[in-house]
Amino acid sequence: MTSEDEAKTKRRSRSSKIGRIKYNQQLLKRALREIDDIKLMQRTIVKGLEGMFHFEKPFIQKTVCADEIDEWILDLLYQAGEGGVLPKDLSLRLLKFKVNRHKVSRRIKRMNKRLRKEIGQSVAEKRGWHWALTSFCFRVWGEAEKELLEA
């Protein structure tokens, strides 16, 4: 074999051509793009079959609540009813957590974003200056309360 034949049979890998780190970054970006596509497809399926699904309070809480404060906020919004409650009133009820009204609104917006990303629904909505649970979440929390009363 001549040196030309050896050069033709020995090919450099993609990682050695562009560098190992850059190659790994490209692989990671490709994998993340595929994951995003799968999540989009999952959201589309969930949205299409929305009437057939029965969501429960623990699933919603696990999906949207980052900590205990978020759970308290959701419970206080449920107690407030259809009219809703002002963020400053929520912050007064959450004094032990030292959460001001701006943080309350920011937390609610984050919870909305998380649930919208999962199933395309919102947890709470603004009604004037007040925050109130959406009809979807109000129904889920109401069903959970009925189950507790029946047990």
Protein backbone atom coordinates (compact mmCIF):
# COMPACT_ATOMS: atom_id res chain seq x y z
CA MET A 1 0.00 0.00 0.00
CA THR A 2 1.20 3.44 -0.79
CA SER A 3 0.98 6.42 1.48
CA GLU A 4 -1.83 7.81 -0.68
CA ASP A 5 -3.94 4.70 -0.09
CA GLU A 6 -3.36 4.90 3.66
CA ALA A 7 -4.37 8.56 3.68
CA LYS A 8 -7.60 7.71 1.87
CA THR A 9 -8.54 4.94 4.29
CA LYS A 10 -7.74 6.94 7.42
CA ARG A 11 -10.42 9.54 7.73
CA ARG A 12 -10.64 12.04 10.51
CA SER A 13 -13.73 12.04 12.64
CA ARG A 14 -16.07 15.02 12.75
CA SER A 15 -14.94 15.84 16.29
CA SER A 16 -11.29 15.96 15.26
CA LYS A 17 -12.11 18.23 12.32
CA ILE A 18 -14.02 20.93 14.16
CA GLY A 19 -12.89 20.27 17.71
CA ARG A 20 -14.34 18.05 20.39
CA ILE A 21 -16.02 20.84 22.39
CA LYS A 22 -17.71 22.41 19.37
CA TYR A 23 -18.84 18.99 18.17
CA ASN A 24 -20.35 18.19 21.57
CA GLN A 25 -22.13 21.54 21.56
CA GLN A 26 -23.62 20.78 18.16
CA LEU A 27 -24.81 17.38 19.38
CA LEU A 28 -26.35 18.97 22.46
CA LYS A 29 -28.15 21.62 20.40
CA ARG A 30 -29.53 18.94 18.08
CA ALA A 31 -30.75 16.86 21.04
CA LEU A 32 -32.39 19.91 22.66
CA ARG A 33 -34.12 20.80 19.38
CA GLU A 34 -35.51 17.28 19.14
CA ILE A 35 -36.73 17.45 22.76
CA ASP A 36 -38.47 20.76 22.02
CA ASP A 37 -40.15 19.18 18.99
CA ILE A 38 -41.37 16.29 21.14
CA LYS A 39 -42.70 18.69 23.78
CA LEU A 40 -44.54 20.66 21.10
CA MET A 41 -46.09 17.48 19.76
CA GLN A 42 -47.10 16.45 23.30
CA ARG A 43 -48.73 19.85 23.95
CA THR A 44 -50.61 19.57 20.64
CA ILE A 45 -51.94 16.13 21.57
CA VAL A 46 -52.95 17.29 25.06
CA LYS A 47 -54.69 20.36 23.62
CA GLY A 48 -56.58 18.21 21.11
CA LEU A 49 -57.71 15.70 23.73
CA GLU A 50 -58.32 18.31 26.42
CA GLY A 51 -61.98 17.42 26.91
CA MET A 52 -61.10 13.81 27.64
CA PHE A 53 -58.51 14.55 30.33
CA HIS A 54 -59.41 14.94 33.97
CA PHE A 55 -56.82 17.07 35.75
CA GLU A 56 -56.55 16.89 39.52
CA LYS A 57 -55.29 19.32 42.14
CA PRO A 58 -52.07 17.39 42.98
CA PHE A 59 -51.05 17.35 39.30
CA ILE A 60 -51.65 21.10 38.93
CA GLN A 61 -49.78 21.84 42.18
CA LYS A 62 -46.85 19.63 41.20
CA THR A 63 -46.68 21.28 37.79
CA VAL A 64 -46.92 24.95 38.79
CA CYS A 65 -45.77 25.23 42.40
CA ALA A 66 -42.07 25.73 42.97
CA ASP A 67 -42.40 25.85 46.76
CA GLU A 68 -44.77 26.19 49.70
CA ILE A 69 -45.44 29.86 49.02
CA ASP A 70 -46.93 29.09 45.61
CA GLU A 71 -49.25 26.52 47.19
CA TRP A 72 -50.38 29.09 49.76
CA ILE A 73 -51.05 31.63 47.01
CA LEU A 74 -53.22 29.16 45.09
CA ASP A 75 -55.20 28.24 48.21
CA LEU A 76 -55.75 31.92 49.05
CA LEU A 77 -56.90 32.62 45.51
CA TYR A 78 -59.37 29.75 45.76
CA GLN A 79 -60.68 31.08 49.07
CA ALA A 80 -61.13 34.54 47.54
CA GLY A 81 -63.60 33.15 45.02
CA GLU A 82 -64.62 34.54 41.65
CA GLY A 83 -63.94 38.19 42.51
CA GLY A 84 -60.29 37.57 43.25
CA VAL A 85 -57.98 39.33 45.67
CA LEU A 86 -55.48 42.17 45.48
CA PRO A 87 -51.78 41.26 45.49
CA LYS A 88 -51.23 43.47 48.54
CA ASP A 89 -53.89 41.51 50.45
CA LEU A 90 -52.19 38.27 49.48
CA SER A 91 -48.84 39.63 50.67
CA LEU A 92 -50.42 40.63 54.01
CA ARG A 93 -51.64 37.06 54.48
CA LEU A 94 -48.15 35.78 53.62
CA LEU A 95 -46.25 37.97 56.09
CA LYS A 96 -44.39 35.02 57.58
CA PHE A 97 -42.81 34.37 54.16
CA LYS A 98 -41.87 38.05 53.69
CA VAL A 99 -43.41 38.24 50.22
CA ASN A 100 -44.39 41.69 48.95
CA ARG A 101 -47.11 42.42 46.39
CA HIS A 102 -44.68 42.56 43.47
CA LYS A 103 -43.31 39.13 44.30
CA VAL A 104 -46.84 37.75 44.57
CA SER A 105 -47.69 38.95 41.06
CA ARG A 106 -44.39 37.67 39.70
CA ARG A 107 -44.98 34.24 41.27
CA ILE A 108 -48.50 34.04 39.79
CA LYS A 109 -47.16 34.96 36.34
CA ARG A 110 -44.49 32.26 36.65
CA MET A 111 -47.11 29.69 37.65
CA ASN A 112 -49.21 30.70 34.63
CA LYS A 113 -46.20 30.26 32.38
CA ARG A 114 -45.45 26.78 33.74
CA LEU A 115 -49.03 25.54 33.33
CA ARG A 116 -49.39 27.11 29.88
CA LYS A 117 -46.23 25.31 28.82
CA GLU A 118 -47.58 21.96 30.06
CA ILE A 119 -51.27 21.94 29.12
CA GLY A 120 -52.05 25.33 27.59
CA GLN A 121 -54.16 26.62 30.50
CA SER A 122 -53.61 29.47 32.96
CA VAL A 123 -53.78 29.21 36.74
CA ALA A 124 -54.92 32.74 37.49
CA GLU A 125 -55.99 35.81 35.59
CA LYS A 126 -56.19 39.51 36.27
CA ARG A 127 -59.63 40.95 36.89
CA GLY A 128 -59.01 44.64 37.17
CA TRP A 129 -56.35 44.95 39.87
CA HIS A 130 -57.35 41.61 41.40
CA TRP A 131 -55.91 38.16 40.75
CA ALA A 132 -58.45 35.32 40.55
CA LEU A 133 -58.27 31.65 39.68
CA THR A 134 -59.37 30.81 36.16
CA SER A 135 -62.54 28.79 35.75
CA PHE A 136 -60.38 25.75 34.89
CA CYS A 137 -58.42 25.89 38.17
CA PHE A 138 -61.47 26.89 40.17
CA ARG A 139 -63.24 23.74 38.93
CA VAL A 140 -60.20 21.56 39.76
CA TRP A 141 -59.91 23.00 43.28
CA GLY A 142 -63.68 22.70 43.79
CA GLU A 143 -63.62 19.02 42.88
CA ALA A 144 -60.77 18.45 45.34
CA GLU A 145 -62.72 20.21 48.10
CA LYS A 146 -65.83 18.09 47.38
CA GLU A 147 -63.73 14.92 47.65
CA LEU A 148 -62.37 16.07 51.01
CA LEU A 149 -65.85 16.83 52.34
CA GLU A 150 -67.22 13.48 51.16
CA ALA A 151 -64.39 11.51 52.79
